[in-house]
Amino acid sequence: MRIVLKILAAPAMLLLTLAVAFCTFILSLAGFLFWILSVLVTVGAVLLFISHQPLGGIAFLVIAFLVSPYGLPALAAWIVGKLDGIKYCLREFIME
């Protein structure tokens, strides 16, 4: 019974390997683009503060944080890391 589970786990491990590699590549591209977007939105927030619109400036700063490397890209990197951990667990199960 255990050998059947190992045979079924092998394609899942292969799919996870490909998914993690693809997601890591996309994450690196998106991180760069989000960094540029974060800088532009931060400049927009400063301009809104200068033009006496603090509510818009605060909203822009929240958006800038979400697209900065500490916001959504960090969450995506955490998810990719968890998928990578699952892949290694499957590999250990298959190799034992």
PDB file of N, CA and C in Angstrom:
ATOM      1  N   MET A   1       0.813  -1.195   0.000  1.00  0.00           N
ATOM      2  CA  MET A   1       0.000   0.000   0.000  1.00  0.00           C
ATOM      3  C   MET A   1       0.865   1.271   0.000  1.00  0.00           C
ATOM      4  N   ARG A   2       1.973   1.198   0.722  1.00  0.00           N
ATOM      5  CA  ARG A   2       2.856   2.354   0.810  1.00  0.00           C
ATOM      6  C   ARG A   2       3.506   2.671  -0.541  1.00  0.00           C
ATOM      7  N   ILE A   3       3.818   1.637  -1.308  1.00  0.00           N
ATOM      8  CA  ILE A   3       4.441   1.854  -2.609  1.00  0.00           C
ATOM      9  C   ILE A   3       3.464   2.549  -3.567  1.00  0.00           C
ATOM     10  N   VAL A   4       2.172   2.242  -3.432  1.00  0.00           N
ATOM     11  CA  VAL A   4       1.168   2.891  -4.275  1.00  0.00           C
ATOM     12  C   VAL A   4       1.103   4.386  -3.943  1.00  0.00           C
ATOM     13  N   LEU A   5       1.168   4.718  -2.657  1.00  0.00           N
ATOM     14  CA  LEU A   5       1.160   6.124  -2.259  1.00  0.00           C
ATOM     15  C   LEU A   5       2.404   6.848  -2.774  1.00  0.00           C
ATOM     16  N   LYS A   6       3.540   6.160  -2.769  1.00  0.00           N
ATOM     17  CA  LYS A   6       4.764   6.774  -3.286  1.00  0.00           C
ATOM     18  C   LYS A   6       4.660   7.014  -4.784  1.00  0.00           C
ATOM     19  N   ILE A   7       4.058   6.087  -5.493  1.00  0.00           N
ATOM     20  CA  ILE A   7       3.888   6.246  -6.939  1.00  0.00           C
ATOM     21  C   ILE A   7       2.938   7.402  -7.237  1.00  0.00           C
ATOM     22  N   LEU A   8       1.907   7.557  -6.418  1.00  0.00           N
ATOM     23  CA  LEU A   8       0.972   8.661  -6.612  1.00  0.00           C
ATOM     24  C   LEU A   8       1.573   9.999  -6.195  1.00  0.00           C
ATOM     25  N   ALA A   9       2.505   9.992  -5.257  1.00  0.00           N
ATOM     26  CA  ALA A   9       3.115  11.232  -4.785  1.00  0.00           C
ATOM     27  C   ALA A   9       4.168  11.768  -5.753  1.00  0.00           C
ATOM     28  N   ALA A  10       4.743  10.910  -6.587  1.00  0.00           N
ATOM     29  CA  ALA A  10       5.802  11.344  -7.501  1.00  0.00           C
ATOM     30  C   ALA A  10       5.324  12.407  -8.500  1.00  0.00           C
ATOM     31  N   PRO A  11       4.185  12.210  -9.176  1.00  0.00           N
ATOM     32  CA  PRO A  11       3.741  13.280 -10.091  1.00  0.00           C
ATOM     33  C   PRO A  11       3.389  14.573  -9.361  1.00  0.00           C
ATOM     34  N   ALA A  12       2.854  14.450  -8.145  1.00  0.00           N
ATOM     35  CA  ALA A  12       2.543  15.654  -7.371  1.00  0.00           C
ATOM     36  C   ALA A  12       3.818  16.415  -7.042  1.00  0.00           C
ATOM     37  N   MET A  13       4.879  15.687  -6.707  1.00  0.00           N
ATOM     38  CA  MET A  13       6.148  16.339  -6.416  1.00  0.00           C
ATOM     39  C   MET A  13       6.700  17.021  -7.672  1.00  0.00           C
ATOM     40  N   LEU A  14       6.564  16.378  -8.810  1.00  0.00           N
ATOM     41  CA  LEU A  14       7.012  16.977 -10.061  1.00  0.00           C
ATOM     42  C   LEU A  14       6.235  18.257 -10.371  1.00  0.00           C
ATOM     43  N   LEU A  15       4.915  18.204 -10.184  1.00  0.00           N
ATOM     44  CA  LEU A  15       4.106  19.397 -10.416  1.00  0.00           C
ATOM     45  C   LEU A  15       4.463  20.509  -9.443  1.00  0.00           C
ATOM     46  N   LEU A  16       4.705  20.177  -8.193  1.00  0.00           N
ATOM     47  CA  LEU A  16       5.101  21.187  -7.221  1.00  0.00           C
ATOM     48  C   LEU A  16       6.459  21.783  -7.559  1.00  0.00           C
ATOM     49  N   THR A  17       7.381  20.964  -8.052  1.00  0.00           N
ATOM     50  CA  THR A  17       8.700  21.461  -8.450  1.00  0.00           C
ATOM     51  C   THR A  17       8.564  22.484  -9.571  1.00  0.00           C
ATOM     52  N   LEU A  18       7.765  22.154 -10.578  1.00  0.00           N
ATOM     53  CA  LEU A  18       7.558  23.083 -11.691  1.00  0.00           C
ATOM     54  C   LEU A  18       6.812  24.334 -11.245  1.00  0.00           C
ATOM     55  N   ALA A  19       5.803  24.173 -10.389  1.00  0.00           N
ATOM     56  CA  ALA A  19       5.026  25.321  -9.920  1.00  0.00           C
ATOM     57  C   ALA A  19       5.883  26.267  -9.084  1.00  0.00           C
ATOM     58  N   VAL A  20       6.722  25.717  -8.210  1.00  0.00           N
ATOM     59  CA  VAL A  20       7.580  26.560  -7.377  1.00  0.00           C
ATOM     60  C   VAL A  20       8.598  27.305  -8.238  1.00  0.00           C
ATOM     61  N   ALA A  21       9.167  26.632  -9.222  1.00  0.00           N
ATOM     62  CA  ALA A  21      10.129  27.302 -10.100  1.00  0.00           C
ATOM     63  C   ALA A  21       9.453  28.421 -10.891  1.00  0.00           C
ATOM     64  N   PHE A  22       8.279  28.152 -11.432  1.00  0.00           N
ATOM     65  CA  PHE A  22       7.550  29.165 -12.193  1.00  0.00           C
ATOM     66  C   PHE A  22       7.144  30.329 -11.294  1.00  0.00           C
ATOM     67  N   CYS A  23       6.611  30.029 -10.133  1.00  0.00           N
ATOM     68  CA  CYS A  23       6.178  31.088  -9.212  1.00  0.00           C
ATOM     69  C   CYS A  23       7.354  31.925  -8.718  1.00  0.00           C
ATOM     70  N   THR A  24       8.497  31.309  -8.505  1.00  0.00           N
ATOM     71  CA  THR A  24       9.684  32.054  -8.087  1.00  0.00           C
ATOM     72  C   THR A  24      10.122  33.022  -9.179  1.00  0.00           C
ATOM     73  N   PHE A  25      10.085  32.572 -10.419  1.00  0.00           N
ATOM     74  CA  PHE A  25      10.438  33.441 -11.541  1.00  0.00           C
ATOM     75  C   PHE A  25       9.456  34.607 -11.659  1.00  0.00           C
ATOM     76  N   ILE A  26       8.169  34.308 -11.607  1.00  0.00           N
ATOM     77  CA  ILE A  26       7.142  35.351 -11.708  1.00  0.00           C
ATOM     78  C   ILE A  26       7.240  36.309 -10.521  1.00  0.00           C
ATOM     79  N   LEU A  27       7.545  35.765  -9.353  1.00  0.00           N
ATOM     80  CA  LEU A  27       7.661  36.591  -8.154  1.00  0.00           C
ATOM     81  C   LEU A  27       8.825  37.569  -8.261  1.00  0.00           C
ATOM     82  N   SER A  28       9.921  37.141  -8.858  1.00  0.00           N
ATOM     83  CA  SER A  28      11.050  38.063  -9.016  1.00  0.00           C
ATOM     84  C   SER A  28      10.711  39.191  -9.997  1.00  0.00           C
ATOM     85  N   LEU A  29      10.016  38.871 -11.074  1.00  0.00           N
ATOM     86  CA  LEU A  29       9.594  39.914 -12.015  1.00  0.00           C
ATOM     87  C   LEU A  29       8.566  40.847 -11.381  1.00  0.00           C
ATOM     88  N   ALA A  30       7.596  40.288 -10.705  1.00  0.00           N
ATOM     89  CA  ALA A  30       6.550  41.097 -10.079  1.00  0.00           C
ATOM     90  C   ALA A  30       7.130  41.961  -8.965  1.00  0.00           C
ATOM     91  N   GLY A  31       8.098  41.436  -8.236  1.00  0.00           N
ATOM     92  CA  GLY A  31       8.718  42.221  -7.178  1.00  0.00           C
ATOM     93  C   GLY A  31       9.377  43.470  -7.718  1.00  0.00           C
ATOM     94  N   PHE A  32      10.054  43.355  -8.842  1.00  0.00           N
ATOM     95  CA  PHE A  32      10.690  44.521  -9.459  1.00  0.00           C
ATOM     96  C   PHE A  32       9.642  45.529  -9.930  1.00  0.00           C
ATOM     97  N   LEU A  33       8.607  45.040 -10.594  1.00  0.00           N
ATOM     98  CA  LEU A  33       7.562  45.937 -11.081  1.00  0.00           C
ATOM     99  C   LEU A  33       6.803  46.588  -9.927  1.00  0.00           C
ATOM    100  N   PHE A  34       6.543  45.831  -8.872  1.00  0.00           N
ATOM    101  CA  PHE A  34       5.861  46.398  -7.706  1.00  0.00           C
ATOM    102  C   PHE A  34       6.733  47.420  -7.001  1.00  0.00           C
ATOM    103  N   TRP A  35       8.041  47.227  -7.018  1.00  0.00           N
ATOM    104  CA  TRP A  35       8.940  48.212  -6.407  1.00  0.00           C
ATOM    105  C   TRP A  35       8.832  49.550  -7.142  1.00  0.00           C
ATOM    106  N   ILE A  36       8.834  49.488  -8.467  1.00  0.00           N
ATOM    107  CA  ILE A  36       8.695  50.712  -9.263  1.00  0.00           C
ATOM    108  C   ILE A  36       7.339  51.360  -8.994  1.00  0.00           C
ATOM    109  N   LEU A  37       6.286  50.560  -8.963  1.00  0.00           N
ATOM    110  CA  LEU A  37       4.953  51.074  -8.686  1.00  0.00           C
ATOM    111  C   LEU A  37       4.872  51.682  -7.286  1.00  0.00           C
ATOM    112  N   SER A  38       5.532  51.073  -6.330  1.00  0.00           N
ATOM    113  CA  SER A  38       5.540  51.596  -4.959  1.00  0.00           C
ATOM    114  C   SER A  38       6.192  52.971  -4.903  1.00  0.00           C
ATOM    115  N   VAL A  39       7.285  53.140  -5.619  1.00  0.00           N
ATOM    116  CA  VAL A  39       7.954  54.446  -5.651  1.00  0.00           C
ATOM    117  C   VAL A  39       7.042  55.496  -6.282  1.00  0.00           C
ATOM    118  N   LEU A  40       6.387  55.146  -7.384  1.00  0.00           N
ATOM    119  CA  LEU A  40       5.504  56.100  -8.054  1.00  0.00           C
ATOM    120  C   LEU A  40       4.311  56.480  -7.171  1.00  0.00           C
ATOM    121  N   VAL A  41       3.731  55.505  -6.496  1.00  0.00           N
ATOM    122  CA  VAL A  41       2.583  55.787  -5.635  1.00  0.00           C
ATOM    123  C   VAL A  41       3.019  56.616  -4.421  1.00  0.00           C
ATOM    124  N   THR A  42       4.216  56.367  -3.903  1.00  0.00           N
ATOM    125  CA  THR A  42       4.721  57.163  -2.784  1.00  0.00           C
ATOM    126  C   THR A  42       4.928  58.616  -3.202  1.00  0.00           C
ATOM    127  N   VAL A  43       5.462  58.824  -4.382  1.00  0.00           N
ATOM    128  CA  VAL A  43       5.615  60.193  -4.897  1.00  0.00           C
ATOM    129  C   VAL A  43       4.239  60.844  -5.040  1.00  0.00           C
ATOM    130  N   GLY A  44       3.262  60.090  -5.521  1.00  0.00           N
ATOM    131  CA  GLY A  44       1.900  60.609  -5.612  1.00  0.00           C
ATOM    132  C   GLY A  44       1.335  60.965  -4.242  1.00  0.00           C
ATOM    133  N   ALA A  45       1.639  60.163  -3.234  1.00  0.00           N
ATOM    134  CA  ALA A  45       1.178  60.453  -1.874  1.00  0.00           C
ATOM    135  C   ALA A  45       1.795  61.740  -1.354  1.00  0.00           C
ATOM    136  N   VAL A  46       3.073  61.933  -1.605  1.00  0.00           N
ATOM    137  CA  VAL A  46       3.732  63.169  -1.171  1.00  0.00           C
ATOM    138  C   VAL A  46       3.101  64.368  -1.871  1.00  0.00           C
ATOM    139  N   LEU A  47       2.822  64.232  -3.150  1.00  0.00           N
ATOM    140  CA  LEU A  47       2.181  65.327  -3.879  1.00  0.00           C
ATOM    141  C   LEU A  47       0.784  65.622  -3.333  1.00  0.00           C
ATOM    142  N   LEU A  48       0.054  64.565  -2.930  1.00  0.00           N
ATOM    143  CA  LEU A  48      -1.264  64.793  -2.342  1.00  0.00           C
ATOM    144  C   LEU A  48      -1.163  65.475  -0.987  1.00  0.00           C
ATOM    145  N   PHE A  49      -0.144  65.132  -0.199  1.00  0.00           N
ATOM    146  CA  PHE A  49       0.052  65.811   1.082  1.00  0.00           C
ATOM    147  C   PHE A  49       0.402  67.287   0.863  1.00  0.00           C
ATOM    148  N   ILE A  50       1.206  67.559  -0.151  1.00  0.00           N
ATOM    149  CA  ILE A  50       1.590  68.947  -0.444  1.00  0.00           C
ATOM    150  C   ILE A  50       0.377  69.753  -0.899  1.00  0.00           C
ATOM    151  N   SER A  51      -0.520  69.105  -1.648  1.00  0.00           N
ATOM    152  CA  SER A  51      -1.703  69.814  -2.155  1.00  0.00           C
ATOM    153  C   SER A  51      -2.859  69.817  -1.149  1.00  0.00           C
ATOM    154  N   HIS A  52      -2.563  69.533   0.119  1.00  0.00           N
ATOM    155  CA  HIS A  52      -3.527  69.592   1.221  1.00  0.00           C
ATOM    156  C   HIS A  52      -4.695  68.619   1.061  1.00  0.00           C
ATOM    157  N   GLN A  53      -4.385  67.400   0.650  1.00  0.00           N
ATOM    158  CA  GLN A  53      -5.376  66.327   0.582  1.00  0.00           C
ATOM    159  C   GLN A  53      -4.837  65.135   1.378  1.00  0.00           C
ATOM    160  N   PRO A  54      -4.861  65.230   2.705  1.00  0.00           N
ATOM    161  CA  PRO A  54      -4.227  64.191   3.521  1.00  0.00           C
ATOM    162  C   PRO A  54      -4.912  62.827   3.429  1.00  0.00           C
ATOM    163  N   LEU A  55      -6.224  62.800   3.226  1.00  0.00           N
ATOM    164  CA  LEU A  55      -6.911  61.511   3.137  1.00  0.00           C
ATOM    165  C   LEU A  55      -6.439  60.725   1.912  1.00  0.00           C
ATOM    166  N   GLY A  56      -6.311  61.413   0.778  1.00  0.00           N
ATOM    167  CA  GLY A  56      -5.780  60.759  -0.425  1.00  0.00           C
ATOM    168  C   GLY A  56      -4.335  60.351  -0.253  1.00  0.00           C
ATOM    169  N   GLY A  57      -3.559  61.194   0.447  1.00  0.00           N
ATOM    170  CA  GLY A  57      -2.159  60.845   0.702  1.00  0.00           C
ATOM    171  C   GLY A  57      -2.019  59.609   1.560  1.00  0.00           C
ATOM    172  N   ILE A  58      -2.873  59.505   2.580  1.00  0.00           N
ATOM    173  CA  ILE A  58      -2.835  58.303   3.444  1.00  0.00           C
ATOM    174  C   ILE A  58      -3.246  57.070   2.654  1.00  0.00           C
ATOM    175  N   ALA A  59      -4.272  57.204   1.820  1.00  0.00           N
ATOM    176  CA  ALA A  59      -4.706  56.071   0.991  1.00  0.00           C
ATOM    177  C   ALA A  59      -3.589  55.636   0.049  1.00  0.00           C
ATOM    178  N   PHE A  60      -2.900  56.597  -0.538  1.00  0.00           N
ATOM    179  CA  PHE A  60      -1.797  56.262  -1.438  1.00  0.00           C
ATOM    180  C   PHE A  60      -0.648  55.599  -0.677  1.00  0.00           C
ATOM    181  N   LEU A  61      -0.397  56.046   0.548  1.00  0.00           N
ATOM    182  CA  LEU A  61       0.663  55.408   1.337  1.00  0.00           C
ATOM    183  C   LEU A  61       0.312  53.972   1.698  1.00  0.00           C
ATOM    184  N   VAL A  62      -0.960  53.707   1.974  1.00  0.00           N
ATOM    185  CA  VAL A  62      -1.383  52.323   2.257  1.00  0.00           C
ATOM    186  C   VAL A  62      -1.198  51.466   1.013  1.00  0.00           C
ATOM    187  N   ILE A  63      -1.588  51.994  -0.132  1.00  0.00           N
ATOM    188  CA  ILE A  63      -1.398  51.256  -1.388  1.00  0.00           C
ATOM    189  C   ILE A  63       0.083  51.041  -1.663  1.00  0.00           C
ATOM    190  N   ALA A  64       0.890  52.058  -1.397  1.00  0.00           N
ATOM    191  CA  ALA A  64       2.338  51.932  -1.617  1.00  0.00           C
ATOM    192  C   ALA A  64       2.925  50.853  -0.714  1.00  0.00           C
ATOM    193  N   PHE A  65       2.428  50.753   0.523  1.00  0.00           N
ATOM    194  CA  PHE A  65       2.910  49.695   1.402  1.00  0.00           C
ATOM    195  C   PHE A  65       2.506  48.324   0.884  1.00  0.00           C
ATOM    196  N   LEU A  66       1.284  48.202   0.393  1.00  0.00           N
ATOM    197  CA  LEU A  66       0.822  46.899  -0.095  1.00  0.00           C
ATOM    198  C   LEU A  66       1.628  46.418  -1.293  1.00  0.00           C
ATOM    199  N   VAL A  67       2.049  47.328  -2.160  1.00  0.00           N
ATOM    200  CA  VAL A  67       2.812  46.900  -3.334  1.00  0.00           C
ATOM    201  C   VAL A  67       4.315  46.956  -3.103  1.00  0.00           C
ATOM    202  N   SER A  68       4.730  47.401  -1.913  1.00  0.00           N
ATOM    203  CA  SER A  68       6.161  47.416  -1.600  1.00  0.00           C
ATOM    204  C   SER A  68       6.637  45.989  -1.333  1.00  0.00           C
ATOM    205  N   PRO A  69       7.934  45.775  -1.248  1.00  0.00           N
ATOM    206  CA  PRO A  69       8.438  44.423  -0.972  1.00  0.00           C
ATOM    207  C   PRO A  69       7.994  43.860   0.385  1.00  0.00           C
ATOM    208  N   TYR A  70       7.445  44.679   1.261  1.00  0.00           N
ATOM    209  CA  TYR A  70       6.992  44.200   2.567  1.00  0.00           C
ATOM    210  C   TYR A  70       5.510  43.866   2.591  1.00  0.00           C
ATOM    211  N   GLY A  71       4.779  44.111   1.517  1.00  0.00           N
ATOM    212  CA  GLY A  71       3.348  43.877   1.476  1.00  0.00           C
ATOM    213  C   GLY A  71       3.002  42.583   0.775  1.00  0.00           C
ATOM    214  N   LEU A  72       2.306  42.714  -0.337  1.00  0.00           N
ATOM    215  CA  LEU A  72       1.834  41.543  -1.073  1.00  0.00           C
ATOM    216  C   LEU A  72       2.958  40.656  -1.629  1.00  0.00           C
ATOM    217  N   PRO A  73       4.074  41.210  -2.124  1.00  0.00           N
ATOM    218  CA  PRO A  73       5.152  40.329  -2.565  1.00  0.00           C
ATOM    219  C   PRO A  73       5.719  39.465  -1.430  1.00  0.00           C
ATOM    220  N   ALA A  74       5.761  39.990  -0.218  1.00  0.00           N
ATOM    221  CA  ALA A  74       6.235  39.193   0.910  1.00  0.00           C
ATOM    222  C   ALA A  74       5.264  38.053   1.212  1.00  0.00           C
ATOM    223  N   LEU A  75       3.972  38.337   1.115  1.00  0.00           N
ATOM    224  CA  LEU A  75       2.971  37.291   1.317  1.00  0.00           C
ATOM    225  C   LEU A  75       3.094  36.212   0.244  1.00  0.00           C
ATOM    226  N   ALA A  76       3.288  36.631  -0.997  1.00  0.00           N
ATOM    227  CA  ALA A  76       3.453  35.670  -2.087  1.00  0.00           C
ATOM    228  C   ALA A  76       4.717  34.834  -1.894  1.00  0.00           C
ATOM    229  N   ALA A  77       5.801  35.456  -1.441  1.00  0.00           N
ATOM    230  CA  ALA A  77       7.037  34.712  -1.201  1.00  0.00           C
ATOM    231  C   ALA A  77       6.840  33.713  -0.066  1.00  0.00           C
ATOM    232  N   TRP A  78       6.072  34.073   0.948  1.00  0.00           N
ATOM    233  CA  TRP A  78       5.791  33.150   2.048  1.00  0.00           C
ATOM    234  C   TRP A  78       5.008  31.935   1.543  1.00  0.00           C
ATOM    235  N   ILE A  79       4.019  32.177   0.668  1.00  0.00           N
ATOM    236  CA  ILE A  79       3.223  31.074   0.112  1.00  0.00           C
ATOM    237  C   ILE A  79       4.085  30.163  -0.746  1.00  0.00           C
ATOM    238  N   VAL A  80       4.958  30.751  -1.569  1.00  0.00           N
ATOM    239  CA  VAL A  80       5.857  29.937  -2.404  1.00  0.00           C
ATOM    240  C   VAL A  80       6.806  29.123  -1.517  1.00  0.00           C
ATOM    241  N   GLY A  81       7.257  29.717  -0.421  1.00  0.00           N
ATOM    242  CA  GLY A  81       8.108  28.979   0.513  1.00  0.00           C
ATOM    243  C   GLY A  81       7.386  27.797   1.140  1.00  0.00           C
ATOM    244  N   LYS A  82       6.110  27.973   1.468  1.00  0.00           N
ATOM    245  CA  LYS A  82       5.328  26.859   2.020  1.00  0.00           C
ATOM    246  C   LYS A  82       5.136  25.760   0.982  1.00  0.00           C
ATOM    247  N   LEU A  83       4.888  26.141  -0.273  1.00  0.00           N
ATOM    248  CA  LEU A  83       4.782  25.136  -1.336  1.00  0.00           C
ATOM    249  C   LEU A  83       6.094  24.381  -1.508  1.00  0.00           C
ATOM    250  N   ASP A  84       7.202  25.087  -1.383  1.00  0.00           N
ATOM    251  CA  ASP A  84       8.510  24.444  -1.478  1.00  0.00           C
ATOM    252  C   ASP A  84       8.705  23.460  -0.314  1.00  0.00           C
ATOM    253  N   GLY A  85       8.239  23.830   0.862  1.00  0.00           N
ATOM    254  CA  GLY A  85       8.320  22.925   2.006  1.00  0.00           C
ATOM    255  C   GLY A  85       7.493  21.668   1.805  1.00  0.00           C
ATOM    256  N   ILE A  86       6.308  21.824   1.217  1.00  0.00           N
ATOM    257  CA  ILE A  86       5.474  20.655   0.915  1.00  0.00           C
ATOM    258  C   ILE A  86       6.170  19.761  -0.094  1.00  0.00           C
ATOM    259  N   LYS A  87       6.828  20.376  -1.057  1.00  0.00           N
ATOM    260  CA  LYS A  87       7.568  19.589  -2.062  1.00  0.00           C
ATOM    261  C   LYS A  87       8.664  18.757  -1.399  1.00  0.00           C
ATOM    262  N   TYR A  88       9.390  19.355  -0.451  1.00  0.00           N
ATOM    263  CA  TYR A  88      10.440  18.608   0.229  1.00  0.00           C
ATOM    264  C   TYR A  88       9.878  17.521   1.126  1.00  0.00           C
ATOM    265  N   CYS A  89       8.722  17.744   1.706  1.00  0.00           N
ATOM    266  CA  CYS A  89       8.081  16.687   2.499  1.00  0.00           C
ATOM    267  C   CYS A  89       7.703  15.503   1.614  1.00  0.00           C
ATOM    268  N   LEU A  90       7.159  15.806   0.425  1.00  0.00           N
ATOM    269  CA  LEU A  90       6.831  14.726  -0.508  1.00  0.00           C
ATOM    270  C   LEU A  90       8.085  13.978  -0.956  1.00  0.00           C
ATOM    271  N   ARG A  91       9.153  14.719  -1.189  1.00  0.00           N
ATOM    272  CA  ARG A  91      10.407  14.074  -1.599  1.00  0.00           C
ATOM    273  C   ARG A  91      10.939  13.155  -0.518  1.00  0.00           C
ATOM    274  N   GLU A  92      10.875  13.587   0.731  1.00  0.00           N
ATOM    275  CA  GLU A  92      11.309  12.736   1.838  1.00  0.00           C
ATOM    276  C   GLU A  92      10.440  11.498   1.940  1.00  0.00           C
ATOM    277  N   PHE A  93       9.130  11.645   1.721  1.00  0.00           N
ATOM    278  CA  PHE A  93       8.226  10.496   1.776  1.00  0.00           C
ATOM    279  C   PHE A  93       8.558   9.500   0.670  1.00  0.00           C
ATOM    280  N   ILE A  94       8.846  10.005  -0.510  1.00  0.00           N
ATOM    281  CA  ILE A  94       9.147   9.113  -1.638  1.00  0.00           C
ATOM    282  C   ILE A  94      10.488   8.429  -1.440  1.00  0.00           C
ATOM    283  N   MET A  95      11.467   9.125  -0.908  1.00  0.00           N
ATOM    284  CA  MET A  95      12.820   8.574  -0.793  1.00  0.00           C
ATOM    285  C   MET A  95      13.014   7.657   0.410  1.00  0.00           C
ATOM    286  N   GLU A  96      12.122   7.672   1.367  1.00  0.00           N
ATOM    287  CA  GLU A  96      12.361   6.809   2.543  1.00  0.00           C
ATOM    288  C   GLU A  96      12.095   5.358   2.273  1.00  0.00           C
TER     289      GLU A  96
END
